[in-house]
Amino acid sequence: MKKDIHPRYYPKCKVYHNGQVVMEVGATVPELHVEVWSGSHPFFTGKQTFVDAAGRVEKFQRKFQGNYFKRDDKKK
């Protein structure tokens, strides 16, 4: 096996969610910062939470605002 080709392994990598450590896992980085994990995901908790990444909700609302869904009978 070749030497010095593998990344360093951290057996106690801390996973942070909202500034709190939620678990420790093995990884190639000393700490991970996540937005969603199994303890906060609606599938596992049964609660709906709102996560907006990069303003996608606002982009969607701008695109479909006004008369976007209004029926145009002239096109038929």
PDB file of N, CA and C in Angstrom:
ATOM      1  N   MET A   1       0.837  -1.176   0.000  1.00  0.00           N
ATOM      2  CA  MET A   1       0.000   0.000   0.000  1.00  0.00           C
ATOM      3  C   MET A   1       0.887   1.246   0.000  1.00  0.00           C
ATOM      4  N   LYS A   2       0.515   2.253  -0.769  1.00  0.00           N
ATOM      5  CA  LYS A   2       1.307   3.475  -0.845  1.00  0.00           C
ATOM      6  C   LYS A   2       1.187   4.277   0.442  1.00  0.00           C
ATOM      7  N   LYS A   3       2.271   4.914   0.818  1.00  0.00           N
ATOM      8  CA  LYS A   3       2.263   5.739   2.020  1.00  0.00           C
ATOM      9  C   LYS A   3       1.839   7.159   1.682  1.00  0.00           C
ATOM     10  N   ASP A   4       1.252   7.829   2.660  1.00  0.00           N
ATOM     11  CA  ASP A   4       0.895   9.253   2.592  1.00  0.00           C
ATOM     12  C   ASP A   4      -0.072   9.620   1.475  1.00  0.00           C
ATOM     13  N   ILE A   5      -0.967   8.706   1.075  1.00  0.00           N
ATOM     14  CA  ILE A   5      -1.961   9.075   0.069  1.00  0.00           C
ATOM     15  C   ILE A   5      -3.362   9.187   0.670  1.00  0.00           C
ATOM     16  N   HIS A   6      -3.546   8.695   1.869  1.00  0.00           N
ATOM     17  CA  HIS A   6      -4.852   8.713   2.495  1.00  0.00           C
ATOM     18  C   HIS A   6      -5.022   9.970   3.359  1.00  0.00           C
ATOM     19  N   PRO A   7      -6.229  10.542   3.383  1.00  0.00           N
ATOM     20  CA  PRO A   7      -6.448  11.710   4.242  1.00  0.00           C
ATOM     21  C   PRO A   7      -6.418  11.322   5.714  1.00  0.00           C
ATOM     22  N   ARG A   8      -6.201  12.289   6.555  1.00  0.00           N
ATOM     23  CA  ARG A   8      -6.193  12.022   7.997  1.00  0.00           C
ATOM     24  C   ARG A   8      -7.607  11.689   8.452  1.00  0.00           C
ATOM     25  N   TYR A   9      -7.728  10.721   9.324  1.00  0.00           N
ATOM     26  CA  TYR A   9      -9.031  10.273   9.814  1.00  0.00           C
ATOM     27  C   TYR A   9      -9.230  10.752  11.245  1.00  0.00           C
ATOM     28  N   TYR A  10     -10.373  11.391  11.501  1.00  0.00           N
ATOM     29  CA  TYR A  10     -10.726  11.866  12.838  1.00  0.00           C
ATOM     30  C   TYR A  10     -11.847  10.970  13.367  1.00  0.00           C
ATOM     31  N   PRO A  11     -11.537  10.080  14.313  1.00  0.00           N
ATOM     32  CA  PRO A  11     -12.560   9.156  14.803  1.00  0.00           C
ATOM     33  C   PRO A  11     -13.647   9.835  15.643  1.00  0.00           C
ATOM     34  N   LYS A  12     -13.392  11.024  16.161  1.00  0.00           N
ATOM     35  CA  LYS A  12     -14.383  11.724  16.977  1.00  0.00           C
ATOM     36  C   LYS A  12     -14.701  13.089  16.380  1.00  0.00           C
ATOM     37  N   CYS A  13     -15.112  13.093  15.128  1.00  0.00           N
ATOM     38  CA  CYS A  13     -15.522  14.323  14.453  1.00  0.00           C
ATOM     39  C   CYS A  13     -16.847  14.784  15.058  1.00  0.00           C
ATOM     40  N   LYS A  14     -16.913  16.026  15.490  1.00  0.00           N
ATOM     41  CA  LYS A  14     -18.120  16.566  16.109  1.00  0.00           C
ATOM     42  C   LYS A  14     -19.032  17.167  15.037  1.00  0.00           C
ATOM     43  N   VAL A  15     -20.307  16.812  15.103  1.00  0.00           N
ATOM     44  CA  VAL A  15     -21.302  17.331  14.172  1.00  0.00           C
ATOM     45  C   VAL A  15     -22.117  18.396  14.899  1.00  0.00           C
ATOM     46  N   TYR A  16     -22.111  19.621  14.357  1.00  0.00           N
ATOM     47  CA  TYR A  16     -22.811  20.749  14.963  1.00  0.00           C
ATOM     48  C   TYR A  16     -24.073  21.076  14.182  1.00  0.00           C
ATOM     49  N   HIS A  17     -25.151  21.333  14.922  1.00  0.00           N
ATOM     50  CA  HIS A  17     -26.408  21.808  14.339  1.00  0.00           C
ATOM     51  C   HIS A  17     -26.888  22.972  15.204  1.00  0.00           C
ATOM     52  N   ASN A  18     -27.015  24.149  14.619  1.00  0.00           N
ATOM     53  CA  ASN A  18     -27.402  25.371  15.342  1.00  0.00           C
ATOM     54  C   ASN A  18     -26.472  25.651  16.518  1.00  0.00           C
ATOM     55  N   GLY A  19     -25.182  25.422  16.329  1.00  0.00           N
ATOM     56  CA  GLY A  19     -24.192  25.733  17.350  1.00  0.00           C
ATOM     57  C   GLY A  19     -24.056  24.712  18.461  1.00  0.00           C
ATOM     58  N   GLN A  20     -24.798  23.631  18.401  1.00  0.00           N
ATOM     59  CA  GLN A  20     -24.723  22.595  19.437  1.00  0.00           C
ATOM     60  C   GLN A  20     -24.205  21.296  18.837  1.00  0.00           C
ATOM     61  N   VAL A  21     -23.415  20.575  19.612  1.00  0.00           N
ATOM     62  CA  VAL A  21     -22.932  19.277  19.163  1.00  0.00           C
ATOM     63  C   VAL A  21     -24.077  18.285  19.282  1.00  0.00           C
ATOM     64  N   VAL A  22     -24.407  17.637  18.160  1.00  0.00           N
ATOM     65  CA  VAL A  22     -25.515  16.684  18.170  1.00  0.00           C
ATOM     66  C   VAL A  22     -25.046  15.237  18.130  1.00  0.00           C
ATOM     67  N   MET A  23     -23.826  15.003  17.634  1.00  0.00           N
ATOM     68  CA  MET A  23     -23.304  13.635  17.602  1.00  0.00           C
ATOM     69  C   MET A  23     -21.821  13.674  17.261  1.00  0.00           C
ATOM     70  N   GLU A  24     -21.176  12.543  17.410  1.00  0.00           N
ATOM     71  CA  GLU A  24     -19.789  12.378  16.989  1.00  0.00           C
ATOM     72  C   GLU A  24     -19.725  11.215  16.021  1.00  0.00           C
ATOM     73  N   VAL A  25     -18.996  11.414  14.931  1.00  0.00           N
ATOM     74  CA  VAL A  25     -18.843  10.380  13.913  1.00  0.00           C
ATOM     75  C   VAL A  25     -17.386  10.344  13.479  1.00  0.00           C
ATOM     76  N   GLY A  26     -17.017   9.347  12.727  1.00  0.00           N
ATOM     77  CA  GLY A  26     -15.687   9.294  12.133  1.00  0.00           C
ATOM     78  C   GLY A  26     -15.714   9.983  10.784  1.00  0.00           C
ATOM     79  N   ALA A  27     -14.739  10.863  10.520  1.00  0.00           N
ATOM     80  CA  ALA A  27     -14.713  11.602   9.258  1.00  0.00           C
ATOM     81  C   ALA A  27     -13.295  12.063   8.952  1.00  0.00           C
ATOM     82  N   THR A  28     -13.141  12.699   7.812  1.00  0.00           N
ATOM     83  CA  THR A  28     -11.835  13.206   7.408  1.00  0.00           C
ATOM     84  C   THR A  28     -11.652  14.676   7.776  1.00  0.00           C
ATOM     85  N   VAL A  29     -12.605  15.254   8.488  1.00  0.00           N
ATOM     86  CA  VAL A  29     -12.505  16.632   8.985  1.00  0.00           C
ATOM     87  C   VAL A  29     -12.767  16.607  10.491  1.00  0.00           C
ATOM     88  N   PRO A  30     -12.211  17.547  11.250  1.00  0.00           N
ATOM     89  CA  PRO A  30     -12.390  17.508  12.705  1.00  0.00           C
ATOM     90  C   PRO A  30     -13.783  17.905  13.170  1.00  0.00           C
ATOM     91  N   GLU A  31     -14.509  18.722  12.387  1.00  0.00           N
ATOM     92  CA  GLU A  31     -15.883  19.070  12.764  1.00  0.00           C
ATOM     93  C   GLU A  31     -16.716  19.384  11.533  1.00  0.00           C
ATOM     94  N   LEU A  32     -18.017  19.091  11.631  1.00  0.00           N
ATOM     95  CA  LEU A  32     -18.972  19.338  10.555  1.00  0.00           C
ATOM     96  C   LEU A  32     -20.069  20.259  11.069  1.00  0.00           C
ATOM     97  N   HIS A  33     -20.500  21.194  10.243  1.00  0.00           N
ATOM     98  CA  HIS A  33     -21.622  22.072  10.571  1.00  0.00           C
ATOM     99  C   HIS A  33     -22.727  21.789   9.558  1.00  0.00           C
ATOM    100  N   VAL A  34     -23.876  21.316  10.053  1.00  0.00           N
ATOM    101  CA  VAL A  34     -24.973  20.919   9.170  1.00  0.00           C
ATOM    102  C   VAL A  34     -26.206  21.757   9.439  1.00  0.00           C
ATOM    103  N   GLU A  35     -27.043  21.927   8.407  1.00  0.00           N
ATOM    104  CA  GLU A  35     -28.309  22.643   8.558  1.00  0.00           C
ATOM    105  C   GLU A  35     -29.427  21.695   8.959  1.00  0.00           C
ATOM    106  N   VAL A  36     -29.381  20.465   8.461  1.00  0.00           N
ATOM    107  CA  VAL A  36     -30.422  19.480   8.737  1.00  0.00           C
ATOM    108  C   VAL A  36     -29.751  18.170   9.133  1.00  0.00           C
ATOM    109  N   TRP A  37     -30.256  17.539  10.151  1.00  0.00           N
ATOM    110  CA  TRP A  37     -29.798  16.207  10.545  1.00  0.00           C
ATOM    111  C   TRP A  37     -31.019  15.416  10.964  1.00  0.00           C
ATOM    112  N   SER A  38     -30.886  14.148  11.260  1.00  0.00           N
ATOM    113  CA  SER A  38     -32.038  13.292  11.535  1.00  0.00           C
ATOM    114  C   SER A  38     -32.852  13.776  12.733  1.00  0.00           C
ATOM    115  N   GLY A  39     -32.221  14.452  13.681  1.00  0.00           N
ATOM    116  CA  GLY A  39     -32.948  14.959  14.840  1.00  0.00           C
ATOM    117  C   GLY A  39     -33.770  16.200  14.553  1.00  0.00           C
ATOM    118  N   SER A  40     -33.558  16.839  13.387  1.00  0.00           N
ATOM    119  CA  SER A  40     -34.331  18.030  13.050  1.00  0.00           C
ATOM    120  C   SER A  40     -35.120  17.856  11.758  1.00  0.00           C
ATOM    121  N   HIS A  41     -34.974  16.726  11.084  1.00  0.00           N
ATOM    122  CA  HIS A  41     -35.661  16.503   9.812  1.00  0.00           C
ATOM    123  C   HIS A  41     -37.114  16.122  10.064  1.00  0.00           C
ATOM    124  N   PRO A  42     -38.056  16.719   9.325  1.00  0.00           N
ATOM    125  CA  PRO A  42     -39.481  16.445   9.542  1.00  0.00           C
ATOM    126  C   PRO A  42     -39.855  14.967   9.394  1.00  0.00           C
ATOM    127  N   PHE A  43     -39.150  14.222   8.566  1.00  0.00           N
ATOM    128  CA  PHE A  43     -39.467  12.803   8.395  1.00  0.00           C
ATOM    129  C   PHE A  43     -39.290  12.037   9.696  1.00  0.00           C
ATOM    130  N   PHE A  44     -38.264  12.367  10.458  1.00  0.00           N
ATOM    131  CA  PHE A  44     -37.977  11.660  11.698  1.00  0.00           C
ATOM    132  C   PHE A  44     -38.679  12.263  12.904  1.00  0.00           C
ATOM    133  N   THR A  45     -38.901  13.576  12.907  1.00  0.00           N
ATOM    134  CA  THR A  45     -39.491  14.236  14.076  1.00  0.00           C
ATOM    135  C   THR A  45     -40.996  14.366  13.998  1.00  0.00           C
ATOM    136  N   GLY A  46     -41.556  14.363  12.777  1.00  0.00           N
ATOM    137  CA  GLY A  46     -42.988  14.563  12.622  1.00  0.00           C
ATOM    138  C   GLY A  46     -43.380  16.028  12.684  1.00  0.00           C
ATOM    139  N   LYS A  47     -42.427  16.938  12.835  1.00  0.00           N
ATOM    140  CA  LYS A  47     -42.681  18.372  12.882  1.00  0.00           C
ATOM    141  C   LYS A  47     -42.179  19.011  11.596  1.00  0.00           C
ATOM    142  N   GLN A  48     -42.925  19.995  11.115  1.00  0.00           N
ATOM    143  CA  GLN A  48     -42.498  20.708   9.916  1.00  0.00           C
ATOM    144  C   GLN A  48     -41.629  21.887  10.313  1.00  0.00           C
ATOM    145  N   THR A  49     -40.445  21.987   9.736  1.00  0.00           N
ATOM    146  CA  THR A  49     -39.567  23.125   9.974  1.00  0.00           C
ATOM    147  C   THR A  49     -39.296  23.807   8.646  1.00  0.00           C
ATOM    148  N   PHE A  50     -38.925  25.067   8.689  1.00  0.00           N
ATOM    149  CA  PHE A  50     -38.709  25.844   7.486  1.00  0.00           C
ATOM    150  C   PHE A  50     -37.215  26.076   7.298  1.00  0.00           C
ATOM    151  N   VAL A  51     -36.683  25.609   6.161  1.00  0.00           N
ATOM    152  CA  VAL A  51     -35.279  25.810   5.834  1.00  0.00           C
ATOM    153  C   VAL A  51     -35.230  26.510   4.480  1.00  0.00           C
ATOM    154  N   ASP A  52     -34.655  27.694   4.443  1.00  0.00           N
ATOM    155  CA  ASP A  52     -34.519  28.435   3.195  1.00  0.00           C
ATOM    156  C   ASP A  52     -33.050  28.529   2.836  1.00  0.00           C
ATOM    157  N   ALA A  53     -32.700  27.924   1.724  1.00  0.00           N
ATOM    158  CA  ALA A  53     -31.309  27.958   1.292  1.00  0.00           C
ATOM    159  C   ALA A  53     -31.170  28.935   0.128  1.00  0.00           C
ATOM    160  N   ALA A  54     -30.402  29.956   0.321  1.00  0.00           N
ATOM    161  CA  ALA A  54     -30.037  30.919  -0.724  1.00  0.00           C
ATOM    162  C   ALA A  54     -31.234  31.656  -1.307  1.00  0.00           C
ATOM    163  N   GLY A  55     -32.261  31.934  -0.499  1.00  0.00           N
ATOM    164  CA  GLY A  55     -33.377  32.749  -0.968  1.00  0.00           C
ATOM    165  C   GLY A  55     -34.256  32.087  -2.004  1.00  0.00           C
ATOM    166  N   ARG A  56     -34.344  30.788  -2.018  1.00  0.00           N
ATOM    167  CA  ARG A  56     -35.140  30.088  -3.030  1.00  0.00           C
ATOM    168  C   ARG A  56     -36.626  30.373  -2.889  1.00  0.00           C
ATOM    169  N   VAL A  57     -37.080  30.543  -1.665  1.00  0.00           N
ATOM    170  CA  VAL A  57     -38.500  30.827  -1.455  1.00  0.00           C
ATOM    171  C   VAL A  57     -38.854  32.180  -2.058  1.00  0.00           C
ATOM    172  N   GLU A  58     -38.017  33.199  -1.808  1.00  0.00           N
ATOM    173  CA  GLU A  58     -38.270  34.517  -2.359  1.00  0.00           C
ATOM    174  C   GLU A  58     -38.219  34.486  -3.889  1.00  0.00           C
ATOM    175  N   LYS A  59     -37.302  33.731  -4.445  1.00  0.00           N
ATOM    176  CA  LYS A  59     -37.201  33.613  -5.898  1.00  0.00           C
ATOM    177  C   LYS A  59     -38.475  32.988  -6.466  1.00  0.00           C
ATOM    178  N   PHE A  60     -38.975  31.954  -5.811  1.00  0.00           N
ATOM    179  CA  PHE A  60     -40.208  31.309  -6.240  1.00  0.00           C
ATOM    180  C   PHE A  60     -41.383  32.274  -6.159  1.00  0.00           C
ATOM    181  N   GLN A  61     -41.477  33.022  -5.048  1.00  0.00           N
ATOM    182  CA  GLN A  61     -42.575  33.956  -4.875  1.00  0.00           C
ATOM    183  C   GLN A  61     -42.530  35.078  -5.913  1.00  0.00           C
ATOM    184  N   ARG A  62     -41.334  35.571  -6.233  1.00  0.00           N
ATOM    185  CA  ARG A  62     -41.213  36.609  -7.267  1.00  0.00           C
ATOM    186  C   ARG A  62     -41.636  36.071  -8.624  1.00  0.00           C
ATOM    187  N   LYS A  63     -41.275  34.839  -8.929  1.00  0.00           N
ATOM    188  CA  LYS A  63     -41.594  34.255 -10.232  1.00  0.00           C
ATOM    189  C   LYS A  63     -43.096  34.075 -10.417  1.00  0.00           C
ATOM    190  N   PHE A  64     -43.794  33.651  -9.385  1.00  0.00           N
ATOM    191  CA  PHE A  64     -45.200  33.313  -9.510  1.00  0.00           C
ATOM    192  C   PHE A  64     -46.134  34.353  -8.899  1.00  0.00           C
ATOM    193  N   GLN A  65     -45.669  35.573  -8.702  1.00  0.00           N
ATOM    194  CA  GLN A  65     -46.538  36.609  -8.144  1.00  0.00           C
ATOM    195  C   GLN A  65     -47.409  37.218  -9.234  1.00  0.00           C
ATOM    196  N   GLY A  66     -48.410  37.937  -8.831  1.00  0.00           N
ATOM    197  CA  GLY A  66     -49.247  38.662  -9.782  1.00  0.00           C
ATOM    198  C   GLY A  66     -50.220  37.759 -10.507  1.00  0.00           C
ATOM    199  N   ASN A  67     -50.296  37.913 -11.802  1.00  0.00           N
ATOM    200  CA  ASN A  67     -51.297  37.208 -12.624  1.00  0.00           C
ATOM    201  C   ASN A  67     -50.713  35.998 -13.340  1.00  0.00           C
ATOM    202  N   TYR A  68     -49.715  35.380 -12.782  1.00  0.00           N
ATOM    203  CA  TYR A  68     -49.057  34.264 -13.455  1.00  0.00           C
ATOM    204  C   TYR A  68     -50.027  33.117 -13.733  1.00  0.00           C
ATOM    205  N   PHE A  69     -50.896  32.801 -12.777  1.00  0.00           N
ATOM    206  CA  PHE A  69     -51.812  31.675 -12.929  1.00  0.00           C
ATOM    207  C   PHE A  69     -53.164  32.087 -13.486  1.00  0.00           C
ATOM    208  N   LYS A  70     -53.324  33.346 -13.792  1.00  0.00           N
ATOM    209  CA  LYS A  70     -54.601  33.818 -14.331  1.00  0.00           C
ATOM    210  C   LYS A  70     -54.785  33.247 -15.728  1.00  0.00           C
ATOM    211  N   ARG A  71     -55.967  32.755 -15.988  1.00  0.00           N
ATOM    212  CA  ARG A  71     -56.250  32.107 -17.254  1.00  0.00           C
ATOM    213  C   ARG A  71     -56.354  33.143 -18.369  1.00  0.00           C
ATOM    214  N   ASP A  72     -55.721  32.859 -19.476  1.00  0.00           N
ATOM    215  CA  ASP A  72     -55.782  33.752 -20.624  1.00  0.00           C
ATOM    216  C   ASP A  72     -56.624  33.065 -21.682  1.00  0.00           C
ATOM    217  N   ASP A  73     -57.879  33.477 -21.817  1.00  0.00           N
ATOM    218  CA  ASP A  73     -58.806  32.845 -22.769  1.00  0.00           C
ATOM    219  C   ASP A  73     -58.499  33.224 -24.205  1.00  0.00           C
ATOM    220  N   LYS A  74     -57.710  34.233 -24.438  1.00  0.00           N
ATOM    221  CA  LYS A  74     -57.403  34.673 -25.800  1.00  0.00           C
ATOM    222  C   LYS A  74     -56.500  33.678 -26.532  1.00  0.00           C
ATOM    223  N   LYS A  75     -55.735  32.887 -25.779  1.00  0.00           N
ATOM    224  CA  LYS A  75     -54.791  31.959 -26.403  1.00  0.00           C
ATOM    225  C   LYS A  75     -55.471  30.721 -26.964  1.00  0.00           C
ATOM    226  N   LYS A  76     -56.704  30.461 -26.578  1.00  0.00           N
ATOM    227  CA  LYS A  76     -57.399  29.239 -27.040  1.00  0.00           C
ATOM    228  C   LYS A  76     -57.989  29.388 -28.374  1.00  0.00           C
TER     229      LYS A  76
END
